[in-house]
N, C-alpha and C. Protein backbone atom coordinates (compact mmCIF):
# COMPACT_ATOMS: atom_id res chain seq x y z
N UNK A 1 11.93 -13.98 -0.24
CA UNK A 1 11.05 -13.06 -0.91
C UNK A 1 10.30 -13.85 -1.97
N UNK A 2 9.01 -13.60 -2.05
CA UNK A 2 8.19 -14.27 -3.05
C UNK A 2 7.39 -13.23 -3.82
N UNK A 3 7.05 -13.60 -5.04
CA UNK A 3 6.21 -12.76 -5.89
C UNK A 3 4.95 -13.54 -6.22
N UNK A 4 3.83 -12.86 -6.26
CA UNK A 4 2.61 -13.50 -6.72
C UNK A 4 1.71 -12.46 -7.38
N UNK A 5 0.92 -12.93 -8.29
CA UNK A 5 -0.01 -12.04 -8.99
C UNK A 5 -1.20 -11.77 -8.08
N UNK A 6 -1.59 -10.52 -8.05
CA UNK A 6 -2.78 -10.12 -7.31
C UNK A 6 -3.72 -9.45 -8.29
N UNK A 7 -4.95 -9.22 -7.88
CA UNK A 7 -5.91 -8.59 -8.77
C UNK A 7 -5.44 -7.21 -9.22
N UNK A 8 -4.76 -6.47 -8.34
CA UNK A 8 -4.29 -5.12 -8.65
C UNK A 8 -2.94 -5.12 -9.36
N UNK A 9 -2.27 -6.23 -9.47
CA UNK A 9 -0.96 -6.27 -10.09
C UNK A 9 -0.07 -7.27 -9.39
N UNK A 10 1.20 -6.96 -9.29
CA UNK A 10 2.17 -7.85 -8.70
C UNK A 10 2.28 -7.57 -7.20
N UNK A 11 2.31 -8.60 -6.41
CA UNK A 11 2.46 -8.48 -4.96
C UNK A 11 3.81 -9.09 -4.57
N UNK A 12 4.58 -8.35 -3.81
CA UNK A 12 5.86 -8.83 -3.33
C UNK A 12 5.72 -9.10 -1.83
N UNK A 13 6.08 -10.29 -1.40
CA UNK A 13 5.97 -10.64 0.01
C UNK A 13 7.35 -10.97 0.56
N UNK A 14 7.63 -10.46 1.73
CA UNK A 14 8.90 -10.71 2.40
C UNK A 14 8.65 -11.56 3.63
N UNK A 15 9.53 -12.48 3.87
CA UNK A 15 9.44 -13.30 5.08
C UNK A 15 10.78 -13.21 5.79
N UNK A 16 10.74 -12.95 7.07
CA UNK A 16 11.96 -12.80 7.85
C UNK A 16 11.86 -13.69 9.08
N UNK A 17 12.85 -14.53 9.29
CA UNK A 17 12.87 -15.41 10.46
C UNK A 17 14.00 -14.97 11.37
N UNK A 18 13.66 -14.74 12.63
CA UNK A 18 14.66 -14.31 13.61
C UNK A 18 15.53 -15.48 14.01
N UNK A 19 16.82 -15.22 14.14
CA UNK A 19 17.73 -16.27 14.58
C UNK A 19 17.57 -16.45 16.09
N UNK A 20 17.96 -17.61 16.60
CA UNK A 20 17.80 -17.88 18.03
C UNK A 20 18.57 -16.90 18.93
N UNK A 21 19.66 -16.29 18.42
CA UNK A 21 20.44 -15.39 19.27
C UNK A 21 19.95 -13.94 19.20
N UNK A 22 18.79 -13.70 18.60
CA UNK A 22 18.22 -12.36 18.52
C UNK A 22 17.66 -11.97 19.89
N UNK A 23 18.02 -10.77 20.35
CA UNK A 23 17.51 -10.31 21.65
C UNK A 23 16.58 -9.12 21.46
N UNK A 24 15.84 -8.80 22.50
CA UNK A 24 14.91 -7.67 22.41
C UNK A 24 15.63 -6.33 22.35
N UNK A 25 16.96 -6.31 22.53
CA UNK A 25 17.74 -5.08 22.43
C UNK A 25 18.29 -4.86 21.02
N UNK A 26 18.20 -5.89 20.17
CA UNK A 26 18.65 -5.77 18.78
C UNK A 26 17.63 -4.98 17.97
N UNK A 27 18.13 -4.34 16.92
CA UNK A 27 17.26 -3.58 16.02
C UNK A 27 17.38 -4.15 14.62
N UNK A 28 16.26 -4.22 13.93
CA UNK A 28 16.24 -4.64 12.54
C UNK A 28 15.65 -3.49 11.73
N UNK A 29 16.34 -3.11 10.67
CA UNK A 29 15.86 -2.05 9.80
C UNK A 29 15.63 -2.63 8.41
N UNK A 30 14.51 -2.29 7.80
CA UNK A 30 14.20 -2.71 6.45
C UNK A 30 14.17 -1.48 5.56
N UNK A 31 14.72 -1.59 4.38
CA UNK A 31 14.71 -0.48 3.42
C UNK A 31 13.93 -0.91 2.19
N UNK A 32 13.19 0.03 1.59
CA UNK A 32 12.45 -0.30 0.39
C UNK A 32 13.33 -0.27 -0.85
N UNK A 33 14.54 0.23 -0.69
CA UNK A 33 15.50 0.19 -1.79
C UNK A 33 16.91 0.21 -1.20
N UNK A 34 17.87 -0.07 -2.05
CA UNK A 34 19.26 -0.01 -1.61
C UNK A 34 19.59 1.44 -1.27
N UNK A 35 20.28 1.69 -0.16
CA UNK A 35 20.61 3.07 0.21
C UNK A 35 21.52 3.75 -0.82
N UNK A 36 21.38 5.05 -0.95
CA UNK A 36 22.25 5.88 -1.78
C UNK A 36 22.59 7.07 -0.90
N UNK A 37 23.73 6.99 -0.24
CA UNK A 37 24.09 7.96 0.80
C UNK A 37 24.55 9.30 0.22
N UNK A 38 24.70 10.26 1.09
CA UNK A 38 25.23 11.57 0.69
C UNK A 38 26.64 11.40 0.11
N UNK A 39 27.42 10.51 0.71
CA UNK A 39 28.76 10.22 0.20
C UNK A 39 28.68 9.63 -1.20
N UNK A 40 27.71 8.75 -1.44
CA UNK A 40 27.51 8.18 -2.78
C UNK A 40 27.17 9.27 -3.79
N UNK A 41 26.35 10.22 -3.38
CA UNK A 41 25.96 11.33 -4.27
C UNK A 41 27.19 12.16 -4.64
N UNK A 42 27.99 12.53 -3.65
CA UNK A 42 29.19 13.34 -3.91
C UNK A 42 30.16 12.59 -4.82
N UNK A 43 30.35 11.29 -4.56
CA UNK A 43 31.24 10.47 -5.38
C UNK A 43 30.72 10.40 -6.81
N UNK A 44 29.42 10.21 -6.96
CA UNK A 44 28.81 10.11 -8.28
C UNK A 44 29.01 11.40 -9.09
N UNK A 45 28.79 12.54 -8.45
CA UNK A 45 28.98 13.83 -9.12
C UNK A 45 30.44 14.01 -9.52
N UNK A 46 31.36 13.72 -8.58
CA UNK A 46 32.79 13.90 -8.87
C UNK A 46 33.26 12.97 -9.99
N UNK A 47 32.79 11.72 -10.01
CA UNK A 47 33.17 10.78 -11.06
C UNK A 47 32.63 11.24 -12.42
N UNK A 48 31.39 11.72 -12.43
CA UNK A 48 30.81 12.20 -13.67
C UNK A 48 31.58 13.40 -14.20
N UNK A 49 31.92 14.33 -13.32
CA UNK A 49 32.68 15.51 -13.71
C UNK A 49 34.04 15.10 -14.28
N UNK A 50 34.70 14.14 -13.65
CA UNK A 50 36.00 13.67 -14.13
C UNK A 50 35.88 13.02 -15.51
N UNK A 51 34.83 12.23 -15.74
CA UNK A 51 34.62 11.61 -17.05
C UNK A 51 34.39 12.68 -18.12
N UNK A 52 33.61 13.70 -17.77
CA UNK A 52 33.36 14.80 -18.72
C UNK A 52 34.65 15.56 -19.01
N UNK A 53 35.42 15.83 -17.96
CA UNK A 53 36.68 16.56 -18.14
C UNK A 53 37.65 15.78 -19.02
N UNK A 54 37.60 14.45 -18.96
CA UNK A 54 38.47 13.62 -19.81
C UNK A 54 38.06 13.72 -21.28
N UNK A 55 36.80 14.11 -21.51
CA UNK A 55 36.31 14.28 -22.88
C UNK A 55 35.99 15.76 -23.14
N UNK A 56 36.81 16.64 -22.61
CA UNK A 56 36.50 18.07 -22.65
C UNK A 56 36.41 18.65 -24.06
N UNK A 57 36.96 17.97 -25.05
CA UNK A 57 36.81 18.48 -26.41
C UNK A 57 35.40 18.23 -26.94
N UNK A 58 34.69 17.28 -26.32
CA UNK A 58 33.33 16.95 -26.74
C UNK A 58 32.27 17.45 -25.76
N UNK A 59 32.52 17.25 -24.46
CA UNK A 59 31.51 17.50 -23.43
C UNK A 59 31.92 18.69 -22.57
N UNK A 60 31.00 19.61 -22.38
CA UNK A 60 31.20 20.73 -21.46
C UNK A 60 30.47 20.38 -20.17
N UNK A 61 31.16 20.47 -19.04
CA UNK A 61 30.54 20.21 -17.75
C UNK A 61 31.06 21.22 -16.74
N UNK A 62 30.15 21.93 -16.11
CA UNK A 62 30.51 22.92 -15.10
C UNK A 62 29.74 22.58 -13.82
N UNK A 63 30.47 22.49 -12.71
CA UNK A 63 29.87 22.18 -11.41
C UNK A 63 29.93 23.43 -10.54
N UNK A 64 28.80 23.76 -9.92
CA UNK A 64 28.79 24.89 -9.00
C UNK A 64 27.85 24.58 -7.84
N UNK A 65 28.04 25.28 -6.75
CA UNK A 65 27.15 25.15 -5.60
C UNK A 65 25.99 26.11 -5.82
N UNK A 66 24.80 25.56 -5.91
CA UNK A 66 23.62 26.37 -6.10
C UNK A 66 23.21 27.01 -4.77
N UNK A 67 22.99 26.17 -3.77
CA UNK A 67 22.63 26.63 -2.42
C UNK A 67 23.18 25.62 -1.43
N UNK A 68 23.03 25.92 -0.17
CA UNK A 68 23.32 24.96 0.89
C UNK A 68 22.01 24.60 1.58
N UNK A 69 21.89 23.35 1.96
CA UNK A 69 20.69 22.89 2.65
C UNK A 69 20.66 23.49 4.06
N UNK A 70 19.55 23.30 4.75
CA UNK A 70 19.44 23.78 6.12
C UNK A 70 20.46 23.11 7.03
N UNK A 71 20.87 21.89 6.66
CA UNK A 71 21.89 21.17 7.44
C UNK A 71 23.30 21.57 7.04
N UNK A 72 23.45 22.43 6.02
CA UNK A 72 24.76 22.88 5.60
C UNK A 72 25.38 22.07 4.46
N UNK A 73 24.61 21.13 3.87
CA UNK A 73 25.12 20.36 2.75
C UNK A 73 25.07 21.20 1.48
N UNK A 74 26.09 21.05 0.66
CA UNK A 74 26.12 21.77 -0.62
C UNK A 74 25.18 21.09 -1.61
N UNK A 75 24.36 21.90 -2.27
CA UNK A 75 23.46 21.41 -3.30
C UNK A 75 24.06 21.86 -4.63
N UNK A 76 24.50 20.90 -5.42
CA UNK A 76 25.22 21.21 -6.64
C UNK A 76 24.28 21.39 -7.83
N UNK A 77 24.73 22.20 -8.76
CA UNK A 77 24.08 22.31 -10.05
C UNK A 77 25.15 22.05 -11.11
N UNK A 78 24.83 21.15 -12.02
CA UNK A 78 25.74 20.83 -13.12
C UNK A 78 25.16 21.39 -14.41
N UNK A 79 26.00 22.03 -15.19
CA UNK A 79 25.64 22.45 -16.53
C UNK A 79 26.39 21.53 -17.47
N UNK A 80 25.65 20.78 -18.28
CA UNK A 80 26.26 19.79 -19.18
C UNK A 80 25.77 20.09 -20.60
N UNK A 81 26.70 20.11 -21.53
CA UNK A 81 26.36 20.41 -22.92
C UNK A 81 27.46 19.90 -23.83
N UNK A 82 27.14 19.86 -25.11
CA UNK A 82 28.19 19.67 -26.10
C UNK A 82 28.96 20.98 -26.20
N UNK A 83 30.16 20.93 -26.72
CA UNK A 83 30.99 22.14 -26.81
C UNK A 83 30.53 23.10 -27.92
N UNK A 84 29.67 22.64 -28.82
CA UNK A 84 29.23 23.51 -29.91
C UNK A 84 28.40 24.68 -29.39
N UNK A 85 28.53 25.81 -30.04
CA UNK A 85 27.79 27.03 -29.71
C UNK A 85 28.13 27.62 -28.34
N UNK A 86 29.29 27.24 -27.78
CA UNK A 86 29.70 27.81 -26.49
C UNK A 86 30.23 29.21 -26.71
N UNK A 87 29.74 30.14 -25.90
CA UNK A 87 30.20 31.52 -25.97
C UNK A 87 31.31 31.74 -24.95
N UNK A 88 32.17 32.72 -25.16
CA UNK A 88 33.20 33.00 -24.16
C UNK A 88 32.63 33.67 -22.90
N UNK A 89 31.44 34.29 -23.04
CA UNK A 89 30.83 34.95 -21.88
C UNK A 89 30.27 33.93 -20.90
N UNK A 90 30.28 34.33 -19.63
CA UNK A 90 29.69 33.48 -18.60
C UNK A 90 28.19 33.72 -18.54
N UNK A 91 27.48 32.69 -18.09
CA UNK A 91 26.03 32.78 -17.94
C UNK A 91 25.69 33.86 -16.92
N UNK A 92 24.68 34.64 -17.21
CA UNK A 92 24.30 35.71 -16.28
C UNK A 92 23.46 35.14 -15.15
N UNK A 93 23.53 35.79 -14.03
CA UNK A 93 22.77 35.36 -12.86
C UNK A 93 21.46 36.13 -12.82
N UNK A 94 20.37 35.38 -12.73
CA UNK A 94 19.06 35.99 -12.58
C UNK A 94 18.54 35.57 -11.22
N UNK A 95 18.92 36.31 -10.20
CA UNK A 95 18.56 35.97 -8.82
C UNK A 95 18.30 37.27 -8.05
N UNK A 96 17.20 37.97 -8.34
CA UNK A 96 16.96 39.27 -7.71
C UNK A 96 16.83 39.22 -6.19
N UNK A 97 16.44 38.07 -5.64
CA UNK A 97 16.27 37.96 -4.18
C UNK A 97 17.54 37.48 -3.48
N UNK A 98 18.60 37.20 -4.24
CA UNK A 98 19.85 36.68 -3.69
C UNK A 98 19.64 35.42 -2.86
N UNK A 99 18.83 34.52 -3.40
CA UNK A 99 18.54 33.26 -2.71
C UNK A 99 19.37 32.13 -3.28
N UNK A 100 19.56 32.15 -4.60
CA UNK A 100 20.30 31.09 -5.28
C UNK A 100 21.74 31.51 -5.52
N UNK A 101 22.52 30.56 -5.88
CA UNK A 101 23.93 30.77 -6.25
C UNK A 101 24.75 31.29 -5.08
N UNK A 102 25.55 30.42 -4.56
CA UNK A 102 26.43 30.78 -3.46
C UNK A 102 27.41 31.86 -3.92
N UNK A 103 27.54 32.94 -3.16
CA UNK A 103 28.46 34.02 -3.55
C UNK A 103 29.88 33.50 -3.77
N UNK A 104 30.52 34.01 -4.82
CA UNK A 104 31.89 33.62 -5.13
C UNK A 104 32.01 32.42 -6.04
N UNK A 105 30.90 31.73 -6.30
CA UNK A 105 30.95 30.57 -7.21
C UNK A 105 31.12 31.05 -8.64
N UNK A 106 31.91 30.32 -9.41
CA UNK A 106 32.07 30.67 -10.82
C UNK A 106 30.84 30.20 -11.58
N UNK A 107 30.50 30.89 -12.61
CA UNK A 107 29.33 30.59 -13.43
C UNK A 107 29.76 29.83 -14.68
N UNK A 108 28.85 29.06 -15.25
CA UNK A 108 29.17 28.34 -16.48
C UNK A 108 29.17 29.28 -17.69
N UNK A 109 29.75 28.82 -18.77
CA UNK A 109 29.70 29.58 -20.02
C UNK A 109 28.26 29.64 -20.53
N UNK A 110 28.00 30.66 -21.32
CA UNK A 110 26.71 30.76 -22.01
C UNK A 110 26.78 29.97 -23.31
N UNK A 111 25.63 29.59 -23.81
CA UNK A 111 25.54 28.86 -25.07
C UNK A 111 24.49 29.53 -25.95
N UNK A 112 24.79 29.62 -27.24
CA UNK A 112 23.85 30.20 -28.19
C UNK A 112 22.96 29.11 -28.77
N UNK A 113 21.73 29.45 -28.98
CA UNK A 113 20.79 28.58 -29.71
C UNK A 113 20.62 27.19 -29.10
N UNK A 114 20.63 27.09 -27.78
CA UNK A 114 20.42 25.79 -27.15
C UNK A 114 19.26 25.90 -26.17
N UNK A 115 18.45 24.87 -26.16
CA UNK A 115 17.34 24.80 -25.21
C UNK A 115 17.87 24.25 -23.89
N UNK A 116 17.17 24.56 -22.83
CA UNK A 116 17.56 24.12 -21.50
C UNK A 116 16.66 22.98 -21.04
N UNK A 117 17.27 21.96 -20.50
CA UNK A 117 16.53 20.88 -19.84
C UNK A 117 16.99 20.89 -18.39
N UNK A 118 16.06 21.09 -17.48
CA UNK A 118 16.39 21.12 -16.06
C UNK A 118 15.93 19.82 -15.43
N UNK A 119 16.86 19.10 -14.82
CA UNK A 119 16.56 17.82 -14.18
C UNK A 119 16.89 17.96 -12.70
N UNK A 120 15.92 17.70 -11.88
CA UNK A 120 16.10 17.79 -10.44
C UNK A 120 16.03 16.38 -9.87
N UNK A 121 16.89 16.11 -8.91
CA UNK A 121 16.92 14.77 -8.33
C UNK A 121 17.15 14.86 -6.84
N UNK A 122 16.54 13.95 -6.13
CA UNK A 122 16.76 13.81 -4.69
C UNK A 122 16.40 15.08 -3.93
N UNK A 123 15.18 15.53 -4.13
CA UNK A 123 14.71 16.73 -3.43
C UNK A 123 14.54 16.45 -1.94
N UNK A 124 14.06 15.27 -1.61
CA UNK A 124 13.87 14.87 -0.22
C UNK A 124 14.80 13.70 0.09
N UNK A 125 15.20 13.58 1.32
CA UNK A 125 16.21 12.57 1.70
C UNK A 125 15.75 11.14 1.44
N UNK A 126 14.48 10.87 1.42
CA UNK A 126 13.99 9.51 1.20
C UNK A 126 13.88 9.11 -0.25
N UNK A 127 14.22 10.00 -1.15
CA UNK A 127 14.04 9.72 -2.58
C UNK A 127 15.30 9.09 -3.18
N UNK A 128 15.69 7.95 -2.63
CA UNK A 128 16.92 7.30 -3.09
C UNK A 128 16.80 6.81 -4.53
N UNK A 129 15.62 6.44 -4.96
CA UNK A 129 15.44 5.95 -6.32
C UNK A 129 15.84 7.04 -7.33
N UNK A 130 15.56 8.30 -7.00
CA UNK A 130 15.95 9.40 -7.88
C UNK A 130 17.46 9.48 -8.04
N UNK A 131 18.20 9.14 -7.00
CA UNK A 131 19.66 9.15 -7.09
C UNK A 131 20.15 8.07 -8.04
N UNK A 132 19.51 6.90 -8.02
CA UNK A 132 19.89 5.84 -8.96
C UNK A 132 19.55 6.25 -10.39
N UNK A 133 18.43 6.93 -10.57
CA UNK A 133 18.06 7.44 -11.90
C UNK A 133 19.13 8.41 -12.40
N UNK A 134 19.52 9.35 -11.55
CA UNK A 134 20.51 10.34 -11.94
C UNK A 134 21.86 9.68 -12.24
N UNK A 135 22.23 8.66 -11.45
CA UNK A 135 23.47 7.93 -11.71
C UNK A 135 23.43 7.30 -13.10
N UNK A 136 22.30 6.72 -13.46
CA UNK A 136 22.16 6.14 -14.79
C UNK A 136 22.26 7.19 -15.88
N UNK A 137 21.68 8.36 -15.64
CA UNK A 137 21.77 9.45 -16.61
C UNK A 137 23.22 9.92 -16.74
N UNK A 138 23.92 10.05 -15.62
CA UNK A 138 25.35 10.41 -15.67
C UNK A 138 26.13 9.42 -16.52
N UNK A 139 25.90 8.14 -16.28
CA UNK A 139 26.61 7.10 -17.03
C UNK A 139 26.32 7.21 -18.53
N UNK A 140 25.07 7.42 -18.89
CA UNK A 140 24.69 7.55 -20.29
C UNK A 140 25.33 8.77 -20.93
N UNK A 141 25.25 9.91 -20.27
CA UNK A 141 25.81 11.14 -20.83
C UNK A 141 27.34 11.07 -20.96
N UNK A 142 28.00 10.51 -19.95
CA UNK A 142 29.46 10.43 -19.99
C UNK A 142 29.94 9.45 -21.06
N UNK A 143 29.16 8.40 -21.29
CA UNK A 143 29.58 7.41 -22.28
C UNK A 143 29.30 7.87 -23.70
N UNK A 144 28.14 8.48 -23.92
CA UNK A 144 27.74 8.81 -25.29
C UNK A 144 27.88 10.29 -25.63
N UNK A 145 28.21 11.11 -24.64
CA UNK A 145 28.41 12.52 -24.90
C UNK A 145 27.17 13.14 -25.42
């Protein structure tokens, strides 16, 4: 792999040489980034939840299934907050069309006087970079609370 400056910015060039034992039945796949599989996503969420649970006096973390994909994969929603201003009541569901929130899932606690930040990641299967971003955010939140 080589890098060179181009008029528009940085150009990255890849060179690949086939070995003598390569046959026309072999397949070569190139990825624009390191893969982040569905298994990696599940592991990342579970590890983050475990780190938060270990600091439960400081960090509140609730994991629930928001919806299932068309392929049947669970799409998780995490509620993460400091423990301050936590109410004993559970968050109310605002889903008049019954599209979100898998029936039977427990809801997170409500919080008083806190703003909401909604972060969505990996909306499409090819967005592996978003998974790495979310992993970094998990690491930061779990370490610094």
